[in-house]
Amino acid sequence: MIPKDPVMLLSYVNLKLRDFYESLDALCDDLEADREEITEKLASINYHYDEEKNQFV
């Protein structure tokens, strides 16, 4: 289950991206998660996906 709290979501997603997935799209496909929902929630705490780093910064 993906966390609802933005700060917990940030930690969860960055860990998954670092250890298991080569991209945000791969994570979303595998976990059947909504990419737009994740990016909007993390943007609300000023974090944005960096494709080169494959993490939210």
N, C-alpha and C. Protein backbone atom coordinates (compact mmCIF):
# COMPACT_ATOMS: atom_id res chain seq x y z
N MET A 1 0.84 -1.19 0.00
CA MET A 1 0.00 0.00 0.00
C MET A 1 0.88 1.25 0.00
N ILE A 2 0.55 2.18 -0.85
CA ILE A 2 1.32 3.42 -0.97
C ILE A 2 0.84 4.41 0.09
N PRO A 3 1.78 5.02 0.83
CA PRO A 3 1.40 5.97 1.88
C PRO A 3 0.62 7.17 1.33
N LYS A 4 -0.28 7.68 2.12
CA LYS A 4 -1.08 8.86 1.75
C LYS A 4 -0.39 10.16 2.16
N ASP A 5 0.32 10.13 3.29
CA ASP A 5 1.02 11.31 3.78
C ASP A 5 2.16 11.66 2.81
N PRO A 6 2.26 12.92 2.36
CA PRO A 6 3.28 13.29 1.38
C PRO A 6 4.72 13.01 1.81
N VAL A 7 5.05 13.24 3.07
CA VAL A 7 6.42 13.01 3.54
C VAL A 7 6.74 11.51 3.56
N MET A 8 5.79 10.72 4.02
CA MET A 8 5.99 9.26 4.01
C MET A 8 6.03 8.74 2.57
N LEU A 9 5.21 9.31 1.70
CA LEU A 9 5.20 8.94 0.30
C LEU A 9 6.55 9.23 -0.34
N LEU A 10 7.12 10.38 -0.04
CA LEU A 10 8.44 10.74 -0.56
C LEU A 10 9.48 9.69 -0.20
N SER A 11 9.53 9.34 1.05
CA SER A 11 10.49 8.35 1.53
C SER A 11 10.26 7.00 0.85
N TYR A 12 9.02 6.58 0.79
CA TYR A 12 8.65 5.30 0.19
C TYR A 12 9.02 5.24 -1.29
N VAL A 13 8.62 6.26 -2.04
CA VAL A 13 8.86 6.27 -3.49
C VAL A 13 10.35 6.35 -3.79
N ASN A 14 11.08 7.21 -3.10
CA ASN A 14 12.52 7.31 -3.37
C ASN A 14 13.25 6.02 -3.03
N LEU A 15 12.85 5.35 -1.98
CA LEU A 15 13.46 4.05 -1.64
C LEU A 15 13.19 3.04 -2.75
N LYS A 16 11.94 2.96 -3.20
CA LYS A 16 11.58 2.02 -4.27
C LYS A 16 12.33 2.35 -5.55
N LEU A 17 12.42 3.64 -5.89
CA LEU A 17 13.14 4.03 -7.10
C LEU A 17 14.62 3.68 -7.00
N ARG A 18 15.20 3.90 -5.87
CA ARG A 18 16.62 3.61 -5.67
C ARG A 18 16.92 2.12 -5.74
N ASP A 19 16.08 1.32 -5.09
CA ASP A 19 16.39 -0.10 -4.91
C ASP A 19 15.75 -1.05 -5.92
N PHE A 20 14.64 -0.64 -6.56
CA PHE A 20 13.89 -1.62 -7.34
C PHE A 20 13.50 -1.20 -8.76
N TYR A 21 13.41 0.09 -9.04
CA TYR A 21 12.85 0.53 -10.33
C TYR A 21 13.77 1.49 -11.05
N GLU A 22 13.83 1.33 -12.39
CA GLU A 22 14.69 2.18 -13.20
C GLU A 22 14.02 3.50 -13.57
N SER A 23 12.71 3.63 -13.29
CA SER A 23 12.00 4.87 -13.60
C SER A 23 10.71 4.96 -12.79
N LEU A 24 10.17 6.16 -12.74
CA LEU A 24 8.88 6.37 -12.07
C LEU A 24 7.78 5.63 -12.82
N ASP A 25 7.86 5.61 -14.13
CA ASP A 25 6.85 4.88 -14.91
C ASP A 25 6.86 3.40 -14.57
N ALA A 26 8.04 2.81 -14.43
CA ALA A 26 8.14 1.38 -14.09
C ALA A 26 7.54 1.12 -12.72
N LEU A 27 7.81 2.00 -11.76
CA LEU A 27 7.23 1.86 -10.42
C LEU A 27 5.71 1.92 -10.49
N CYS A 28 5.19 2.92 -11.19
CA CYS A 28 3.74 3.10 -11.28
C CYS A 28 3.07 1.92 -11.97
N ASP A 29 3.69 1.43 -13.04
CA ASP A 29 3.13 0.28 -13.75
C ASP A 29 3.08 -0.94 -12.85
N ASP A 30 4.17 -1.21 -12.16
CA ASP A 30 4.26 -2.40 -11.32
C ASP A 30 3.32 -2.34 -10.12
N LEU A 31 3.23 -1.18 -9.50
CA LEU A 31 2.41 -1.03 -8.30
C LEU A 31 0.98 -0.59 -8.62
N GLU A 32 0.67 -0.43 -9.91
CA GLU A 32 -0.63 0.05 -10.35
C GLU A 32 -1.00 1.35 -9.64
N ALA A 33 -0.02 2.26 -9.63
CA ALA A 33 -0.19 3.56 -8.98
C ALA A 33 -0.39 4.64 -10.03
N ASP A 34 -1.03 5.72 -9.64
CA ASP A 34 -1.30 6.84 -10.53
C ASP A 34 -0.13 7.81 -10.47
N ARG A 35 0.62 7.91 -11.58
CA ARG A 35 1.80 8.78 -11.62
C ARG A 35 1.42 10.23 -11.32
N GLU A 36 0.33 10.69 -11.91
CA GLU A 36 -0.10 12.07 -11.71
C GLU A 36 -0.42 12.35 -10.24
N GLU A 37 -1.08 11.42 -9.59
CA GLU A 37 -1.41 11.59 -8.17
C GLU A 37 -0.14 11.67 -7.32
N ILE A 38 0.82 10.81 -7.61
CA ILE A 38 2.09 10.82 -6.86
C ILE A 38 2.83 12.13 -7.09
N THR A 39 2.96 12.53 -8.35
CA THR A 39 3.73 13.76 -8.64
C THR A 39 3.04 15.00 -8.07
N GLU A 40 1.72 15.04 -8.10
CA GLU A 40 1.00 16.18 -7.54
C GLU A 40 1.14 16.24 -6.02
N LYS A 41 1.03 15.09 -5.38
CA LYS A 41 1.14 15.05 -3.92
C LYS A 41 2.54 15.47 -3.48
N LEU A 42 3.57 15.02 -4.20
CA LEU A 42 4.94 15.39 -3.84
C LEU A 42 5.26 16.83 -4.23
N ALA A 43 4.64 17.32 -5.28
CA ALA A 43 4.81 18.73 -5.66
C ALA A 43 4.24 19.64 -4.56
N SER A 44 3.23 19.15 -3.84
CA SER A 44 2.64 19.95 -2.77
C SER A 44 3.62 20.21 -1.63
N ILE A 45 4.69 19.39 -1.55
CA ILE A 45 5.74 19.63 -0.55
C ILE A 45 7.07 20.00 -1.24
N ASN A 46 6.92 20.52 -2.47
CA ASN A 46 8.05 21.04 -3.25
C ASN A 46 9.08 20.01 -3.67
N TYR A 47 8.63 18.81 -4.00
CA TYR A 47 9.51 17.78 -4.55
C TYR A 47 9.03 17.44 -5.95
N HIS A 48 10.00 17.31 -6.86
CA HIS A 48 9.70 17.05 -8.26
C HIS A 48 10.60 15.92 -8.74
N TYR A 49 10.07 15.11 -9.65
CA TYR A 49 10.82 13.95 -10.16
C TYR A 49 11.94 14.40 -11.08
N ASP A 50 13.15 13.92 -10.80
CA ASP A 50 14.33 14.16 -11.62
C ASP A 50 14.65 12.85 -12.33
N GLU A 51 14.43 12.81 -13.65
CA GLU A 51 14.63 11.58 -14.41
C GLU A 51 16.09 11.12 -14.39
N GLU A 52 17.02 12.06 -14.45
CA GLU A 52 18.44 11.69 -14.44
C GLU A 52 18.84 11.01 -13.13
N LYS A 53 18.37 11.52 -12.04
CA LYS A 53 18.69 10.95 -10.72
C LYS A 53 17.74 9.83 -10.34
N ASN A 54 16.62 9.73 -11.05
CA ASN A 54 15.58 8.74 -10.76
C ASN A 54 15.14 8.84 -9.29
N GLN A 55 14.84 10.06 -8.90
CA GLN A 55 14.33 10.29 -7.56
C GLN A 55 13.61 11.64 -7.52
N PHE A 56 12.86 11.83 -6.44
CA PHE A 56 12.23 13.12 -6.22
C PHE A 56 13.19 13.98 -5.41
N VAL A 57 13.42 15.19 -5.91
CA VAL A 57 14.35 16.10 -5.25
C VAL A 57 13.70 17.44 -5.02
